[in-house]
Amino acid sequence: MKCLSVSQPFANLIVQGKKTIELRKWNTNFRGEFFVHAPLKIRTKDCKRLKINEELVTGAIIGKVELIDVKKYNSKKEIISDKKFHFANKEFQNSIYGFLLKNPKFFRVPIPCKGKLGFFEIDVRQKKISKKEDRKSTRLNSSHQIIS
């Protein structure tokens, strides 16, 4: 199944159903369900801006969602008008494609995994969780400090 890495806190917002548009600078012809991977990087400034102070799992697949369509933005005004759906800061408002998402599912047990750029294929049935380096996941504590 396909997988897409999305930095925290946005990965959580997607699988919780709060973020329904994922902004990207690139388009895709892919439509369908994919895994949401939370890479090691946590965007702490966005956590503060969005007042998110929960622990965030990283280095793992945390859920799945369905990509139903891609919206092409023709102006910053259009992007800003959809802010309540994508939560992006000004840095990402130069993106021109919005992946429209629905049917999110949060996994109670994350699947440790290394991410990649763009959509990538992963077979979670063959994923070995027993490797020590794969079992490590970094989380963010309530004061926005990265903990292991």
Protein backbone atom coordinates (compact mmCIF):
# COMPACT_ATOMS: atom_id res chain seq x y z
CA MET A 1 0.00 0.00 0.00
CA LYS A 2 1.15 3.56 -0.60
CA CYS A 3 2.41 5.72 2.24
CA LEU A 4 3.12 9.44 2.61
CA SER A 5 5.31 11.11 5.23
CA VAL A 6 3.71 14.16 6.85
CA SER A 7 5.48 16.09 9.61
CA GLN A 8 3.93 16.28 13.05
CA PRO A 9 1.63 17.81 14.20
CA PHE A 10 0.00 17.63 10.75
CA ALA A 11 0.11 13.83 10.53
CA ASN A 12 -1.97 13.62 13.72
CA LEU A 13 -4.40 16.25 12.48
CA ILE A 14 -4.94 14.20 9.29
CA VAL A 15 -5.66 10.88 11.02
CA GLN A 16 -7.90 12.64 13.56
CA GLY A 17 -9.98 14.03 10.66
CA LYS A 18 -9.22 17.66 11.51
CA LYS A 19 -6.95 18.33 8.50
CA THR A 20 -8.69 17.45 5.26
CA ILE A 21 -6.33 19.10 2.78
CA GLU A 22 -2.61 18.30 2.55
CA LEU A 23 -0.68 20.96 0.64
CA ARG A 24 2.12 19.93 -1.71
CA LYS A 25 4.20 21.55 -4.43
CA TRP A 26 3.73 18.48 -6.61
CA ASN A 27 0.69 16.80 -8.13
CA THR A 28 -0.24 13.14 -8.20
CA ASN A 29 -2.54 10.94 -10.26
CA PHE A 30 -2.92 8.57 -7.31
CA ARG A 31 -6.36 8.26 -5.74
CA GLY A 32 -7.22 5.91 -2.93
CA GLU A 33 -6.26 4.90 0.57
CA PHE A 34 -2.72 5.40 1.89
CA PHE A 35 -0.82 5.16 5.16
CA VAL A 36 0.14 8.34 7.00
CA HIS A 37 3.74 8.25 8.22
CA ALA A 38 4.97 10.65 10.89
CA PRO A 39 8.71 11.22 10.30
CA LEU A 40 11.15 12.07 13.05
CA LYS A 41 10.85 15.82 12.43
CA ILE A 42 8.37 17.67 14.62
CA ARG A 43 7.43 21.18 13.57
CA THR A 44 7.52 22.65 17.08
CA LYS A 45 6.64 26.18 15.90
CA ASP A 46 3.47 24.81 14.32
CA CYS A 47 2.65 22.92 17.53
CA LYS A 48 2.87 26.19 19.45
CA ARG A 49 0.93 28.14 16.79
CA LEU A 50 -1.85 25.54 16.79
CA LYS A 51 -1.74 25.13 20.60
CA ILE A 52 -1.00 21.42 20.35
CA ASN A 53 0.72 20.11 23.47
CA GLU A 54 -0.04 16.40 23.34
CA GLU A 55 2.62 13.73 22.91
CA LEU A 56 3.23 13.06 19.22
CA VAL A 57 4.48 9.75 17.86
CA THR A 58 7.20 9.99 15.22
CA GLY A 59 9.16 7.50 13.15
CA ALA A 60 6.05 5.43 12.52
CA ILE A 61 2.90 4.93 10.48
CA ILE A 62 0.15 6.37 12.67
CA GLY A 63 -2.94 5.81 10.54
CA LYS A 64 -4.45 5.89 7.09
CA VAL A 65 -6.65 8.15 5.01
CA GLU A 66 -8.18 8.27 1.53
CA LEU A 67 -7.04 10.71 -1.16
CA ILE A 68 -10.18 11.51 -3.14
CA ASP A 69 -8.96 14.32 -5.40
CA VAL A 70 -6.33 17.03 -5.92
CA LYS A 71 -7.24 20.70 -5.96
CA LYS A 72 -5.02 23.05 -7.95
CA TYR A 73 -4.65 26.48 -6.38
CA ASN A 74 -4.28 29.43 -8.72
CA SER A 75 -3.62 32.11 -6.09
CA LYS A 76 -2.52 32.65 -2.50
CA LYS A 77 -6.00 34.01 -1.85
CA GLU A 78 -7.46 30.57 -2.68
CA ILE A 79 -4.96 28.85 -0.39
CA ILE A 80 -5.73 31.25 2.45
CA SER A 81 -9.47 30.70 2.02
CA ASP A 82 -8.92 26.95 2.69
CA LYS A 83 -6.71 27.51 5.76
CA LYS A 84 -9.26 25.91 8.11
CA PHE A 85 -8.82 22.68 6.13
CA HIS A 86 -4.99 22.59 5.80
CA PHE A 87 -3.69 24.66 8.80
CA ALA A 88 -0.55 25.62 6.83
CA ASN A 89 1.63 28.52 7.89
CA LYS A 90 2.83 31.17 5.42
CA GLU A 91 5.89 29.07 4.52
CA PHE A 92 3.65 26.49 2.81
CA GLN A 93 1.29 28.90 1.14
CA ASN A 94 3.40 28.74 -2.03
CA SER A 95 2.20 25.17 -2.54
CA ILE A 96 -0.17 24.85 -5.45
CA TYR A 97 -1.76 21.43 -4.94
CA GLY A 98 -4.14 20.41 -2.19
CA PHE A 99 -4.67 16.69 -1.64
CA LEU A 100 -8.33 16.31 -0.60
CA LEU A 101 -8.63 13.71 2.15
CA LYS A 102 -11.46 11.75 3.77
CA ASN A 103 -12.11 8.61 5.84
CA PRO A 104 -9.20 8.98 8.29
CA LYS A 105 -8.32 6.16 10.66
CA PHE A 106 -5.97 6.56 13.62
CA PHE A 107 -3.94 3.45 14.54
CA ARG A 108 -3.88 2.74 18.27
CA VAL A 109 -0.58 0.93 17.76
CA PRO A 110 1.87 2.82 15.50
CA ILE A 111 3.94 0.82 13.01
CA PRO A 112 7.63 1.83 13.21
CA CYS A 113 8.96 2.74 9.80
CA LYS A 114 11.42 5.04 8.04
CA GLY A 115 9.86 7.54 5.69
CA LYS A 116 10.71 8.62 2.17
CA LEU A 117 9.92 11.55 -0.08
CA GLY A 118 6.64 11.49 -1.99
CA PHE A 119 4.36 8.47 -2.03
CA PHE A 120 6.21 5.22 -1.38
CA GLU A 121 5.14 1.60 -1.26
CA ILE A 122 5.19 -0.34 1.99
CA ASP A 123 3.95 -3.79 2.98
CA VAL A 124 3.17 -3.62 6.68
CA ARG A 125 2.66 -7.38 6.86
CA GLN A 126 6.38 -7.80 6.13
CA LYS A 127 7.46 -4.97 8.42
CA LYS A 128 9.54 -6.33 11.27
CA ILE A 129 8.87 -4.45 14.46
CA SER A 130 11.36 -6.49 16.46
CA LYS A 131 14.42 -4.52 15.28
CA LYS A 132 15.67 -2.30 18.08
CA GLU A 133 16.17 0.75 15.83
CA ASP A 134 12.66 0.34 14.39
CA ARG A 135 11.04 0.21 17.82
CA LYS A 136 12.38 3.62 18.78
CA SER A 137 9.92 6.41 18.31
CA THR A 138 10.36 9.96 19.36
CA ARG A 139 7.53 11.82 21.00
CA LEU A 140 6.89 15.38 21.99
CA ASN A 141 6.04 16.02 25.60
CA SER A 142 3.61 18.67 26.81
CA SER A 143 6.28 21.38 26.92
CA HIS A 144 7.21 20.79 23.24
CA GLN A 145 10.52 19.10 24.00
CA ILE A 146 11.52 16.12 21.93
CA ILE A 147 11.86 13.00 24.09
CA SER A 148 12.93 9.47 23.23
